[in-house]
């Protein structure tokens, strides 16, 4: 049996989200249900940050940057 959930968001954000959902022929309710299902089905949901960092482990700057390097303007 479905249960009601109360969420809080700014009115402009809700309006834009409703417009976008409508343009995709769906509703915020359907999108939320889909997100909720994906969230509970994802085995990495509790460790998503660490999972992302593990996936990006191949990326390396190649060297250590100095403060001057980081603040340089192109």
N, C-alpha and C. Protein backbone atom coordinates (compact mmCIF):
# COMPACT_ATOMS: atom_id res chain seq x y z
N UNK A 1 0.84 -1.17 0.00
CA UNK A 1 0.00 0.00 0.00
C UNK A 1 0.90 1.25 0.00
N UNK A 2 0.67 2.19 -0.91
CA UNK A 2 1.48 3.40 -0.97
C UNK A 2 1.34 4.26 0.29
N UNK A 3 2.43 4.92 0.66
CA UNK A 3 2.44 5.86 1.78
C UNK A 3 2.78 7.24 1.26
N UNK A 4 2.24 8.25 1.89
CA UNK A 4 2.57 9.63 1.54
C UNK A 4 3.87 10.04 2.21
N UNK A 5 4.66 10.85 1.50
CA UNK A 5 5.91 11.37 2.00
C UNK A 5 5.87 12.89 1.80
N UNK A 6 6.31 13.62 2.80
CA UNK A 6 6.36 15.08 2.69
C UNK A 6 7.80 15.51 2.49
N UNK A 7 8.04 16.28 1.43
CA UNK A 7 9.36 16.82 1.13
C UNK A 7 9.26 18.34 1.13
N UNK A 8 10.35 18.99 1.40
CA UNK A 8 10.38 20.45 1.41
C UNK A 8 11.40 20.94 0.39
N UNK A 9 10.97 21.88 -0.45
CA UNK A 9 11.86 22.49 -1.44
C UNK A 9 11.34 23.88 -1.75
N UNK A 10 12.21 24.71 -2.28
CA UNK A 10 11.83 26.07 -2.64
C UNK A 10 10.84 26.02 -3.81
N UNK A 11 9.88 26.94 -3.78
CA UNK A 11 8.82 26.97 -4.79
C UNK A 11 9.37 27.08 -6.23
N UNK A 12 10.35 27.96 -6.51
CA UNK A 12 10.87 28.04 -7.89
C UNK A 12 11.48 26.71 -8.35
N UNK A 13 12.14 26.02 -7.45
CA UNK A 13 12.73 24.72 -7.79
C UNK A 13 11.64 23.71 -8.12
N UNK A 14 10.58 23.69 -7.32
CA UNK A 14 9.46 22.78 -7.58
C UNK A 14 8.79 23.08 -8.91
N UNK A 15 8.58 24.36 -9.20
CA UNK A 15 7.94 24.72 -10.46
C UNK A 15 8.77 24.28 -11.65
N UNK A 16 10.07 24.51 -11.58
CA UNK A 16 10.95 24.10 -12.68
C UNK A 16 10.99 22.59 -12.82
N UNK A 17 11.02 21.89 -11.69
CA UNK A 17 11.02 20.42 -11.72
C UNK A 17 9.72 19.89 -12.32
N UNK A 18 8.60 20.50 -11.96
CA UNK A 18 7.31 20.06 -12.53
C UNK A 18 7.27 20.31 -14.04
N UNK A 19 7.81 21.46 -14.46
CA UNK A 19 7.85 21.75 -15.91
C UNK A 19 8.70 20.72 -16.65
N UNK A 20 9.86 20.41 -16.08
CA UNK A 20 10.74 19.45 -16.72
C UNK A 20 10.10 18.06 -16.76
N UNK A 21 9.51 17.65 -15.66
CA UNK A 21 8.84 16.35 -15.63
C UNK A 21 7.71 16.30 -16.66
N UNK A 22 6.94 17.38 -16.74
CA UNK A 22 5.85 17.44 -17.71
C UNK A 22 6.36 17.33 -19.14
N UNK A 23 7.49 17.97 -19.41
CA UNK A 23 8.06 17.90 -20.77
C UNK A 23 8.55 16.50 -21.10
N UNK A 24 8.75 15.69 -20.07
CA UNK A 24 9.16 14.29 -20.27
C UNK A 24 7.97 13.34 -20.10
N UNK A 25 6.77 13.91 -20.11
CA UNK A 25 5.52 13.14 -19.96
C UNK A 25 5.51 12.27 -18.72
N UNK A 26 5.93 12.85 -17.60
CA UNK A 26 5.91 12.13 -16.34
C UNK A 26 5.58 13.12 -15.22
N UNK A 27 5.64 12.67 -14.00
CA UNK A 27 5.35 13.54 -12.85
C UNK A 27 6.50 13.45 -11.85
N UNK A 28 6.53 14.42 -10.95
CA UNK A 28 7.54 14.36 -9.89
C UNK A 28 7.35 13.11 -9.04
N UNK A 29 6.12 12.72 -8.84
CA UNK A 29 5.83 11.52 -8.07
C UNK A 29 6.47 10.28 -8.72
N UNK A 30 6.30 10.14 -10.02
CA UNK A 30 6.90 9.00 -10.74
C UNK A 30 8.42 9.07 -10.70
N UNK A 31 8.97 10.27 -10.88
CA UNK A 31 10.42 10.42 -10.84
C UNK A 31 10.97 10.07 -9.45
N UNK A 32 10.27 10.50 -8.41
CA UNK A 32 10.71 10.19 -7.04
C UNK A 32 10.65 8.70 -6.78
N UNK A 33 9.57 8.05 -7.22
CA UNK A 33 9.48 6.59 -7.04
C UNK A 33 10.62 5.88 -7.76
N UNK A 34 10.94 6.34 -8.96
CA UNK A 34 12.05 5.75 -9.71
C UNK A 34 13.37 5.96 -9.00
N UNK A 35 13.59 7.18 -8.49
CA UNK A 35 14.82 7.46 -7.76
C UNK A 35 14.91 6.60 -6.51
N UNK A 36 13.80 6.48 -5.78
CA UNK A 36 13.78 5.70 -4.56
C UNK A 36 14.10 4.23 -4.84
N UNK A 37 13.53 3.70 -5.89
CA UNK A 37 13.82 2.31 -6.27
C UNK A 37 15.28 2.14 -6.64
N UNK A 38 15.82 3.06 -7.40
CA UNK A 38 17.24 3.00 -7.78
C UNK A 38 18.14 3.12 -6.55
N UNK A 39 17.77 3.99 -5.63
CA UNK A 39 18.56 4.21 -4.42
C UNK A 39 18.65 2.95 -3.57
N UNK A 40 17.52 2.28 -3.35
CA UNK A 40 17.55 1.08 -2.50
C UNK A 40 18.11 -0.12 -3.23
N UNK A 41 18.12 -0.10 -4.55
CA UNK A 41 18.65 -1.21 -5.34
C UNK A 41 20.15 -1.11 -5.53
N UNK A 42 20.73 0.06 -5.34
CA UNK A 42 22.15 0.30 -5.58
C UNK A 42 22.97 -0.21 -4.39
N UNK A 43 23.78 -1.25 -4.61
CA UNK A 43 24.57 -1.78 -3.50
C UNK A 43 25.63 -0.79 -3.01
N UNK A 44 25.96 0.22 -3.82
CA UNK A 44 26.97 1.20 -3.44
C UNK A 44 26.36 2.45 -2.83
N UNK A 45 25.03 2.48 -2.63
CA UNK A 45 24.38 3.72 -2.21
C UNK A 45 24.94 4.27 -0.90
N UNK A 46 25.32 3.41 0.01
CA UNK A 46 25.86 3.89 1.28
C UNK A 46 27.32 4.30 1.19
N UNK A 47 28.00 3.85 0.16
CA UNK A 47 29.42 4.16 0.00
C UNK A 47 29.69 4.82 -1.34
N UNK A 48 28.75 5.62 -1.83
CA UNK A 48 28.89 6.17 -3.17
C UNK A 48 30.11 7.07 -3.33
N UNK A 49 30.46 7.83 -2.29
CA UNK A 49 31.65 8.68 -2.40
C UNK A 49 32.90 7.83 -2.58
N UNK A 50 33.06 6.83 -1.74
CA UNK A 50 34.24 5.97 -1.85
C UNK A 50 34.25 5.23 -3.18
N UNK A 51 33.09 4.80 -3.64
CA UNK A 51 32.98 4.12 -4.92
C UNK A 51 33.43 5.05 -6.05
N UNK A 52 33.00 6.30 -6.01
CA UNK A 52 33.41 7.27 -7.02
C UNK A 52 34.92 7.49 -6.98
N UNK A 53 35.47 7.64 -5.79
CA UNK A 53 36.91 7.84 -5.67
C UNK A 53 37.69 6.63 -6.20
N UNK A 54 37.17 5.44 -5.95
CA UNK A 54 37.81 4.23 -6.48
C UNK A 54 37.77 4.22 -8.00
N UNK A 55 36.65 4.65 -8.57
CA UNK A 55 36.53 4.70 -10.03
C UNK A 55 37.47 5.73 -10.64
N UNK A 56 37.74 6.80 -9.92
CA UNK A 56 38.59 7.86 -10.44
C UNK A 56 40.05 7.69 -10.06
N UNK A 57 40.39 6.57 -9.48
CA UNK A 57 41.75 6.33 -9.02
C UNK A 57 42.80 6.41 -10.12
N UNK A 58 42.39 6.19 -11.36
CA UNK A 58 43.33 6.24 -12.47
C UNK A 58 43.80 7.67 -12.76
N UNK A 59 43.02 8.66 -12.37
CA UNK A 59 43.35 10.06 -12.69
C UNK A 59 44.47 10.56 -11.79
N UNK A 60 45.48 11.14 -12.42
CA UNK A 60 46.61 11.69 -11.66
C UNK A 60 47.07 12.97 -12.34
N UNK A 61 47.47 13.93 -11.55
CA UNK A 61 47.91 15.21 -12.10
C UNK A 61 49.27 15.08 -12.80
N UNK A 62 50.05 14.09 -12.43
CA UNK A 62 51.34 13.90 -13.05
C UNK A 62 52.47 14.55 -12.29
N UNK A 63 52.14 15.52 -11.48
CA UNK A 63 53.15 16.18 -10.66
C UNK A 63 52.44 16.93 -9.54
N UNK A 64 53.21 17.39 -8.59
CA UNK A 64 52.65 18.18 -7.49
C UNK A 64 52.71 19.65 -7.88
N UNK A 65 51.57 20.32 -7.79
CA UNK A 65 51.49 21.72 -8.17
C UNK A 65 51.85 22.62 -6.99
N UNK A 66 52.55 23.71 -7.29
CA UNK A 66 52.88 24.70 -6.26
C UNK A 66 51.72 25.65 -6.10
N UNK A 67 51.75 26.45 -5.05
CA UNK A 67 50.71 27.45 -4.84
C UNK A 67 50.68 28.43 -6.02
N UNK A 68 51.87 28.82 -6.52
CA UNK A 68 51.92 29.72 -7.66
C UNK A 68 51.29 29.10 -8.90
N UNK A 69 51.52 27.79 -9.11
CA UNK A 69 50.89 27.09 -10.24
C UNK A 69 49.36 27.16 -10.13
N UNK A 70 48.87 26.89 -8.93
CA UNK A 70 47.42 26.84 -8.72
C UNK A 70 46.78 28.21 -8.86
N UNK A 71 47.50 29.26 -8.53
CA UNK A 71 46.95 30.61 -8.60
C UNK A 71 47.26 31.35 -9.89
N UNK A 72 48.00 30.72 -10.79
CA UNK A 72 48.37 31.37 -12.05
C UNK A 72 47.15 31.63 -12.90
N UNK A 73 47.13 32.78 -13.55
CA UNK A 73 46.05 33.13 -14.47
C UNK A 73 46.53 32.91 -15.89
N UNK A 74 45.67 32.35 -16.70
CA UNK A 74 46.05 32.10 -18.10
C UNK A 74 45.92 33.32 -18.94
